[in-house]
Amino acid sequence: MTSLILLHGASQTPLAWRKTADRLPSVWAVAAPLLHGRNNTANMLHAAETEVAGIYAPGERIVIAAEEAAPVALELAAKGGAAGVLLTEPVFRVGKTAQVAALCAGLFRPRKNSDREREYATREEKISYLRAIAQSMRSAGKGRDCAEKYMRACMEKGVSVRILCARKKRGAVREGRRMARRFPRVEYFTIAGAKSGWNAYAPAQYAANIVEFAEKITAE
């Protein structure tokens, strides 16, 4: 059986994964932890580990799928012994905390949410999420050094990584291609027409990628 951990992006809540989860094999164990309201990626990791602790047994295959949350996903994979990580629109580089907060406050437009099932984050949640990522990445290193640190730890553990990016996200595309050239267990694909939040607006396609990726890991 496959255990799947779903990590939401800054603009989402765990409920954004609901439609994707509904299209996965019924025998899979699935967990989607809440990452908002954490001070750094260490606290995000603790939240993820706490929630998923009961869904898999030691030695069981674990796959992590993450929307934007590349640092958290890669750290969790290296620490928790995951077999594979699927990254969509990964954020490997973040500016200064103050710049991130200002950018979010100025550009982020909260989407409409149902009172009962809230799939999208509030402005404050998005800002706190990116602040946590920024703080941890700045303490770990700058730019490529930080991204490579996370990726190298996964390679040492034998974790397979697949990166999916939209063509218009030039920074993510450039970094994803560079990671694939540098590390042998990293695959990179450009998805035509994709955009942030792919897991929410194209759940069937996203679920199909997760299943295909998990099956490939099993065959290796």
C-alpha atoms as a PDB file:
ATOM      1  CA  MET A   1       0.000   0.000   0.000  1.00  0.00           C
ATOM      2  CA  THR A   2       1.122   3.556  -0.693  1.00  0.00           C
ATOM      3  CA  SER A   3       0.990   6.301   1.933  1.00  0.00           C
ATOM      4  CA  LEU A   4       0.649   9.774   0.438  1.00  0.00           C
ATOM      5  CA  ILE A   5       1.435  13.065   2.177  1.00  0.00           C
ATOM      6  CA  LEU A   6      -0.046  16.164   0.491  1.00  0.00           C
ATOM      7  CA  LEU A   7       1.523  19.550   1.309  1.00  0.00           C
ATOM      8  CA  HIS A   8      -0.444  22.645   0.315  1.00  0.00           C
ATOM      9  CA  GLY A   9       0.960  25.904  -1.039  1.00  0.00           C
ATOM     10  CA  ALA A  10       0.866  29.367   0.529  1.00  0.00           C
ATOM     11  CA  SER A  11      -2.452  30.269  -1.127  1.00  0.00           C
ATOM     12  CA  GLN A  12      -4.201  27.045  -0.128  1.00  0.00           C
ATOM     13  CA  THR A  13      -5.431  25.049   2.853  1.00  0.00           C
ATOM     14  CA  PRO A  14      -5.433  21.232   3.116  1.00  0.00           C
ATOM     15  CA  LEU A  15      -8.990  21.194   1.706  1.00  0.00           C
ATOM     16  CA  ALA A  16      -7.587  22.230  -1.673  1.00  0.00           C
ATOM     17  CA  TRP A  17      -6.373  18.616  -2.008  1.00  0.00           C
ATOM     18  CA  ARG A  18      -9.841  17.086  -1.548  1.00  0.00           C
ATOM     19  CA  LYS A  19     -10.679  16.689  -5.253  1.00  0.00           C
ATOM     20  CA  THR A  20      -7.252  15.213  -5.990  1.00  0.00           C
ATOM     21  CA  ALA A  21      -7.516  12.774  -3.077  1.00  0.00           C
ATOM     22  CA  ASP A  22     -10.922  11.598  -4.287  1.00  0.00           C
ATOM     23  CA  ARG A  23      -9.301  10.439  -7.546  1.00  0.00           C
ATOM     24  CA  LEU A  24      -6.535   8.384  -5.939  1.00  0.00           C
ATOM     25  CA  PRO A  25      -6.710   4.598  -5.352  1.00  0.00           C
ATOM     26  CA  SER A  26      -9.051   3.880  -2.460  1.00  0.00           C
ATOM     27  CA  VAL A  27      -6.485   1.643  -0.742  1.00  0.00           C
ATOM     28  CA  TRP A  28      -3.979   4.474  -0.348  1.00  0.00           C
ATOM     29  CA  ALA A  29      -3.564   6.169   3.038  1.00  0.00           C
ATOM     30  CA  VAL A  30      -3.643   9.949   2.548  1.00  0.00           C
ATOM     31  CA  ALA A  31      -2.800  12.822   4.915  1.00  0.00           C
ATOM     32  CA  ALA A  32      -2.853  16.585   4.247  1.00  0.00           C
ATOM     33  CA  PRO A  33      -1.423  18.556   7.209  1.00  0.00           C
ATOM     34  CA  LEU A  34      -2.129  22.229   7.871  1.00  0.00           C
ATOM     35  CA  LEU A  35       1.047  24.315   7.409  1.00  0.00           C
ATOM     36  CA  HIS A  36      -0.264  27.810   8.149  1.00  0.00           C
ATOM     37  CA  GLY A  37       0.545  29.560  11.400  1.00  0.00           C
ATOM     38  CA  ARG A  38       4.066  28.090  11.739  1.00  0.00           C
ATOM     39  CA  ASN A  39       7.157  30.180  12.514  1.00  0.00           C
ATOM     40  CA  ASN A  40       9.575  28.193  10.321  1.00  0.00           C
ATOM     41  CA  THR A  41       9.868  25.019   8.269  1.00  0.00           C
ATOM     42  CA  ALA A  42      10.885  23.060  11.377  1.00  0.00           C
ATOM     43  CA  ASN A  43       7.436  23.741  12.835  1.00  0.00           C
ATOM     44  CA  MET A  44       5.853  22.882   9.481  1.00  0.00           C
ATOM     45  CA  LEU A  45       7.727  19.588   9.516  1.00  0.00           C
ATOM     46  CA  HIS A  46       6.556  18.891  13.054  1.00  0.00           C
ATOM     47  CA  ALA A  47       2.945  19.517  12.022  1.00  0.00           C
ATOM     48  CA  ALA A  48       3.310  17.185   9.044  1.00  0.00           C
ATOM     49  CA  GLU A  49       5.046  14.450  11.037  1.00  0.00           C
ATOM     50  CA  THR A  50       2.444  14.616  13.809  1.00  0.00           C
ATOM     51  CA  GLU A  51      -0.472  14.256  11.412  1.00  0.00           C
ATOM     52  CA  VAL A  52       0.974  11.486   9.262  1.00  0.00           C
ATOM     53  CA  ALA A  53       2.516   9.424  12.088  1.00  0.00           C
ATOM     54  CA  GLY A  54      -0.461   7.099  12.253  1.00  0.00           C
ATOM     55  CA  ILE A  55      -1.097   6.475   8.546  1.00  0.00           C
ATOM     56  CA  TYR A  56       1.864   4.279   7.672  1.00  0.00           C
ATOM     57  CA  ALA A  57       3.870   1.431   9.127  1.00  0.00           C
ATOM     58  CA  PRO A  58       7.699   1.327   9.216  1.00  0.00           C
ATOM     59  CA  GLY A  59       9.108   0.228   5.886  1.00  0.00           C
ATOM     60  CA  GLU A  60       6.017   1.191   3.925  1.00  0.00           C
ATOM     61  CA  ARG A  61       6.432   3.211   0.734  1.00  0.00           C
ATOM     62  CA  ILE A  62       5.750   6.924   1.246  1.00  0.00           C
ATOM     63  CA  VAL A  63       5.187   9.476  -1.518  1.00  0.00           C
ATOM     64  CA  ILE A  64       5.046  13.240  -0.893  1.00  0.00           C
ATOM     65  CA  ALA A  65       3.264  15.630  -3.265  1.00  0.00           C
ATOM     66  CA  ALA A  66       3.745  19.348  -2.681  1.00  0.00           C
ATOM     67  CA  GLU A  67       2.334  22.506  -4.221  1.00  0.00           C
ATOM     68  CA  GLU A  68       5.070  25.175  -3.868  1.00  0.00           C
ATOM     69  CA  ALA A  69       6.322  23.760  -0.535  1.00  0.00           C
ATOM     70  CA  ALA A  70       9.605  22.349  -1.861  1.00  0.00           C
ATOM     71  CA  PRO A  71      11.773  22.989   1.242  1.00  0.00           C
ATOM     72  CA  VAL A  72       9.259  21.303   3.562  1.00  0.00           C
ATOM     73  CA  ALA A  73       8.712  18.364   1.200  1.00  0.00           C
ATOM     74  CA  LEU A  74      12.422  17.691   0.644  1.00  0.00           C
ATOM     75  CA  GLU A  75      13.296  17.991   4.332  1.00  0.00           C
ATOM     76  CA  LEU A  76      10.437  15.666   5.257  1.00  0.00           C
ATOM     77  CA  ALA A  77      11.503  13.168   2.588  1.00  0.00           C
ATOM     78  CA  ALA A  78      15.130  13.089   3.716  1.00  0.00           C
ATOM     79  CA  LYS A  79      14.187  12.834   7.378  1.00  0.00           C
ATOM     80  CA  GLY A  80      11.255  10.446   7.077  1.00  0.00           C
ATOM     81  CA  GLY A  81      12.531   7.983   4.508  1.00  0.00           C
ATOM     82  CA  ALA A  82      10.096   8.751   1.690  1.00  0.00           C
ATOM     83  CA  ALA A  83      10.479   6.893  -1.593  1.00  0.00           C
ATOM     84  CA  GLY A  84       9.562   9.827  -3.807  1.00  0.00           C
ATOM     85  CA  VAL A  85       8.665  13.520  -3.919  1.00  0.00           C
ATOM     86  CA  LEU A  86       6.484  15.181  -6.558  1.00  0.00           C
ATOM     87  CA  LEU A  87       6.970  18.963  -6.617  1.00  0.00           C
ATOM     88  CA  THR A  88       4.625  21.314  -8.478  1.00  0.00           C
ATOM     89  CA  GLU A  89       5.714  24.931  -9.003  1.00  0.00           C
ATOM     90  CA  PRO A  90       8.438  24.509  -6.350  1.00  0.00           C
ATOM     91  CA  VAL A  91       9.640  27.581  -4.478  1.00  0.00           C
ATOM     92  CA  PHE A  92      13.390  27.158  -3.970  1.00  0.00           C
ATOM     93  CA  ARG A  93      14.213  30.812  -3.544  1.00  0.00           C
ATOM     94  CA  VAL A  94      12.543  33.400  -1.336  1.00  0.00           C
ATOM     95  CA  GLY A  95      13.519  37.015  -0.793  1.00  0.00           C
ATOM     96  CA  LYS A  96      13.847  38.801   2.506  1.00  0.00           C
ATOM     97  CA  THR A  97      11.006  38.274   4.935  1.00  0.00           C
ATOM     98  CA  ALA A  98       9.904  41.912   4.819  1.00  0.00           C
ATOM     99  CA  GLN A  99       9.899  41.911   1.015  1.00  0.00           C
ATOM    100  CA  VAL A 100       7.851  38.723   0.910  1.00  0.00           C
ATOM    101  CA  ALA A 101       5.308  40.113   3.351  1.00  0.00           C
ATOM    102  CA  ALA A 102       4.981  43.376   1.419  1.00  0.00           C
ATOM    103  CA  LEU A 103       4.601  41.548  -1.865  1.00  0.00           C
ATOM    104  CA  CYS A 104       1.898  39.294  -0.468  1.00  0.00           C
ATOM    105  CA  ALA A 105       0.000  42.129   1.144  1.00  0.00           C
ATOM    106  CA  GLY A 106       0.059  44.156  -2.066  1.00  0.00           C
ATOM    107  CA  LEU A 107      -0.686  41.476  -4.650  1.00  0.00           C
ATOM    108  CA  PHE A 108      -2.614  38.684  -2.956  1.00  0.00           C
ATOM    109  CA  ARG A 109      -6.352  38.712  -3.580  1.00  0.00           C
ATOM    110  CA  PRO A 110      -8.187  36.232  -1.352  1.00  0.00           C
ATOM    111  CA  ARG A 111     -10.458  33.906  -3.293  1.00  0.00           C
ATOM    112  CA  LYS A 112     -14.001  33.160  -2.253  1.00  0.00           C
ATOM    113  CA  ASN A 113     -14.351  30.347   0.254  1.00  0.00           C
ATOM    114  CA  SER A 114     -17.285  28.370   1.459  1.00  0.00           C
ATOM    115  CA  ASP A 115     -17.936  28.968   5.151  1.00  0.00           C
ATOM    116  CA  ARG A 116     -17.971  25.220   5.717  1.00  0.00           C
ATOM    117  CA  GLU A 117     -15.030  24.131   3.541  1.00  0.00           C
ATOM    118  CA  ARG A 118     -12.259  26.677   3.091  1.00  0.00           C
ATOM    119  CA  GLU A 119      -9.860  25.714   0.302  1.00  0.00           C
ATOM    120  CA  TYR A 120      -8.012  29.034  -0.015  1.00  0.00           C
ATOM    121  CA  ALA A 121      -5.823  30.850   2.470  1.00  0.00           C
ATOM    122  CA  THR A 122      -6.440  34.317   3.843  1.00  0.00           C
ATOM    123  CA  ARG A 123      -3.924  37.075   3.204  1.00  0.00           C
ATOM    124  CA  GLU A 124      -2.536  36.747   6.731  1.00  0.00           C
ATOM    125  CA  GLU A 125      -2.106  32.987   6.364  1.00  0.00           C
ATOM    126  CA  LYS A 126      -0.226  33.363   3.090  1.00  0.00           C
ATOM    127  CA  ILE A 127       2.097  35.975   4.545  1.00  0.00           C
ATOM    128  CA  SER A 128       2.861  33.837   7.622  1.00  0.00           C
ATOM    129  CA  TYR A 129       3.477  30.795   5.407  1.00  0.00           C
ATOM    130  CA  LEU A 130       6.015  32.578   3.202  1.00  0.00           C
ATOM    131  CA  ARG A 131       7.662  34.214   6.189  1.00  0.00           C
ATOM    132  CA  ALA A 132       8.253  30.750   7.682  1.00  0.00           C
ATOM    133  CA  ILE A 133       9.772  29.487   4.422  1.00  0.00           C
ATOM    134  CA  ALA A 134      11.896  32.611   4.030  1.00  0.00           C
ATOM    135  CA  GLN A 135      13.258  32.459   7.579  1.00  0.00           C
ATOM    136  CA  SER A 136      14.366  28.849   7.283  1.00  0.00           C
ATOM    137  CA  MET A 137      15.829  29.221   3.806  1.00  0.00           C
ATOM    138  CA  ARG A 138      17.828  32.306   4.778  1.00  0.00           C
ATOM    139  CA  SER A 139      19.268  30.512   7.803  1.00  0.00           C
ATOM    140  CA  ALA A 140      20.164  27.428   5.736  1.00  0.00           C
ATOM    141  CA  GLY A 141      21.864  29.314   2.918  1.00  0.00           C
ATOM    142  CA  LYS A 142      21.255  31.605   0.002  1.00  0.00           C
ATOM    143  CA  GLY A 143      19.701  30.786  -3.343  1.00  0.00           C
ATOM    144  CA  ARG A 144      21.072  27.686  -4.990  1.00  0.00           C
ATOM    145  CA  ASP A 145      23.133  26.621  -1.972  1.00  0.00           C
ATOM    146  CA  CYS A 146      19.975  26.197   0.106  1.00  0.00           C
ATOM    147  CA  ALA A 147      18.037  24.387  -2.620  1.00  0.00           C
ATOM    148  CA  GLU A 148      20.914  22.012  -3.296  1.00  0.00           C
ATOM    149  CA  LYS A 149      21.291  21.240   0.394  1.00  0.00           C
ATOM    150  CA  TYR A 150      17.734  19.908   0.562  1.00  0.00           C
ATOM    151  CA  MET A 151      18.021  18.048  -2.724  1.00  0.00           C
ATOM    152  CA  ARG A 152      21.397  16.497  -1.924  1.00  0.00           C
ATOM    153  CA  ALA A 153      20.022  15.088   1.336  1.00  0.00           C
ATOM    154  CA  CYS A 154      17.251  13.356  -0.624  1.00  0.00           C
ATOM    155  CA  MET A 155      19.697  11.945  -3.156  1.00  0.00           C
ATOM    156  CA  GLU A 156      21.803  10.471  -0.339  1.00  0.00           C
ATOM    157  CA  LYS A 157      18.662   8.722   0.935  1.00  0.00           C
ATOM    158  CA  GLY A 158      17.807   7.358  -2.529  1.00  0.00           C
ATOM    159  CA  VAL A 159      14.651   9.483  -2.860  1.00  0.00           C
ATOM    160  CA  SER A 160      13.277   9.967  -6.381  1.00  0.00           C
ATOM    161  CA  VAL A 161      12.151  13.519  -7.181  1.00  0.00           C
ATOM    162  CA  ARG A 162       9.915  14.759  -9.991  1.00  0.00           C
ATOM    163  CA  ILE A 163       9.502  18.492 -10.671  1.00  0.00           C
ATOM    164  CA  LEU A 164       6.530  19.855 -12.640  1.00  0.00           C
ATOM    165  CA  CYS A 165       6.473  23.500 -13.708  1.00  0.00           C
ATOM    166  CA  ALA A 166       4.325  25.788 -15.823  1.00  0.00           C
ATOM    167  CA  ARG A 167       6.160  27.239 -18.795  1.00  0.00           C
ATOM    168  CA  LYS A 168       5.484  30.824 -17.734  1.00  0.00           C
ATOM    169  CA  LYS A 169       7.191  30.427 -14.346  1.00  0.00           C
ATOM    170  CA  ARG A 170      10.680  31.138 -15.642  1.00  0.00           C
ATOM    171  CA  GLY A 171      12.449  31.031 -12.289  1.00  0.00           C
ATOM    172  CA  ALA A 172      10.945  27.683 -11.314  1.00  0.00           C
ATOM    173  CA  VAL A 173      11.574  26.281 -14.815  1.00  0.00           C
ATOM    174  CA  ARG A 174      15.211  27.326 -14.784  1.00  0.00           C
ATOM    175  CA  GLU A 175      15.815  25.935 -11.307  1.00  0.00           C
ATOM    176  CA  GLY A 176      13.929  22.714 -12.044  1.00  0.00           C
ATOM    177  CA  ARG A 177      15.947  22.022 -15.183  1.00  0.00           C
ATOM    178  CA  ARG A 178      19.178  22.758 -13.366  1.00  0.00           C
ATOM    179  CA  MET A 179      18.263  20.336 -10.573  1.00  0.00           C
ATOM    180  CA  ALA A 180      17.505  17.606 -13.118  1.00  0.00           C
ATOM    181  CA  ARG A 181      20.884  18.109 -14.807  1.00  0.00           C
ATOM    182  CA  ARG A 182      22.766  18.096 -11.520  1.00  0.00           C
ATOM    183  CA  PHE A 183      21.105  15.187  -9.696  1.00  0.00           C
ATOM    184  CA  PRO A 184      20.539  11.770 -11.324  1.00  0.00           C
ATOM    185  CA  ARG A 185      17.323  10.908  -9.452  1.00  0.00           C
ATOM    186  CA  VAL A 186      15.554  14.162 -10.358  1.00  0.00           C
ATOM    187  CA  GLU A 187      13.130  14.385 -13.297  1.00  0.00           C
ATOM    188  CA  TYR A 188      11.854  17.652 -14.730  1.00  0.00           C
ATOM    189  CA  PHE A 189       8.763  18.239 -16.879  1.00  0.00           C
ATOM    190  CA  THR A 190       7.191  21.433 -18.207  1.00  0.00           C
ATOM    191  CA  ILE A 191       3.395  21.220 -18.180  1.00  0.00           C
ATOM    192  CA  ALA A 192       1.820  23.294 -20.959  1.00  0.00           C
ATOM    193  CA  GLY A 193      -0.935  25.548 -19.650  1.00  0.00           C
ATOM    194  CA  ALA A 194      -0.348  24.710 -15.992  1.00  0.00           C
ATOM    195  CA  LYS A 195      -0.379  27.357 -13.282  1.00  0.00           C
ATOM    196  CA  SER A 196      -0.167  27.598  -9.517  1.00  0.00           C
ATOM    197  CA  GLY A 197      -2.940  25.651  -7.820  1.00  0.00           C
ATOM    198  CA  TRP A 198      -2.874  22.889 -10.415  1.00  0.00           C
ATOM    199  CA  ASN A 199      -3.932  20.368  -7.778  1.00  0.00           C
ATOM    200  CA  ALA A 200      -7.172  22.317  -7.249  1.00  0.00           C
ATOM    201  CA  TYR A 201      -8.227  23.235 -10.799  1.00  0.00           C
ATOM    202  CA  ALA A 202      -7.060  20.046 -12.596  1.00  0.00           C
ATOM    203  CA  PRO A 203      -7.366  17.342  -9.893  1.00  0.00           C
ATOM    204  CA  ALA A 204      -7.791  14.409 -12.298  1.00  0.00           C
ATOM    205  CA  GLN A 205      -4.591  15.251 -14.147  1.00  0.00           C
ATOM    206  CA  TYR A 206      -2.720  15.867 -10.921  1.00  0.00           C
ATOM    207  CA  ALA A 207      -3.904  12.586  -9.406  1.00  0.00           C
ATOM    208  CA  ALA A 208      -2.870  10.729 -12.569  1.00  0.00           C
ATOM    209  CA  ASN A 209       0.648  12.146 -12.259  1.00  0.00           C
ATOM    210  CA  ILE A 210       0.867  11.054  -8.629  1.00  0.00           C
ATOM    211  CA  VAL A 211      -0.267   7.509  -9.444  1.00  0.00           C
ATOM    212  CA  GLU A 212       2.102   7.200 -12.428  1.00  0.00           C
ATOM    213  CA  PHE A 213       4.995   8.507 -10.337  1.00  0.00           C
ATOM    214  CA  ALA A 214       4.252   6.087  -7.477  1.00  0.00           C
ATOM    215  CA  GLU A 215       4.020   3.148  -9.883  1.00  0.00           C
ATOM    216  CA  LYS A 216       7.355   4.078 -11.451  1.00  0.00           C
ATOM    217  CA  ILE A 217       9.019   4.141  -8.037  1.00  0.00           C
ATOM    218  CA  THR A 218       7.632   0.693  -7.299  1.00  0.00           C
ATOM    219  CA  ALA A 219       8.993  -0.692 -10.555  1.00  0.00           C
ATOM    220  CA  GLU A 220      12.523   0.570  -9.896  1.00  0.00           C
END
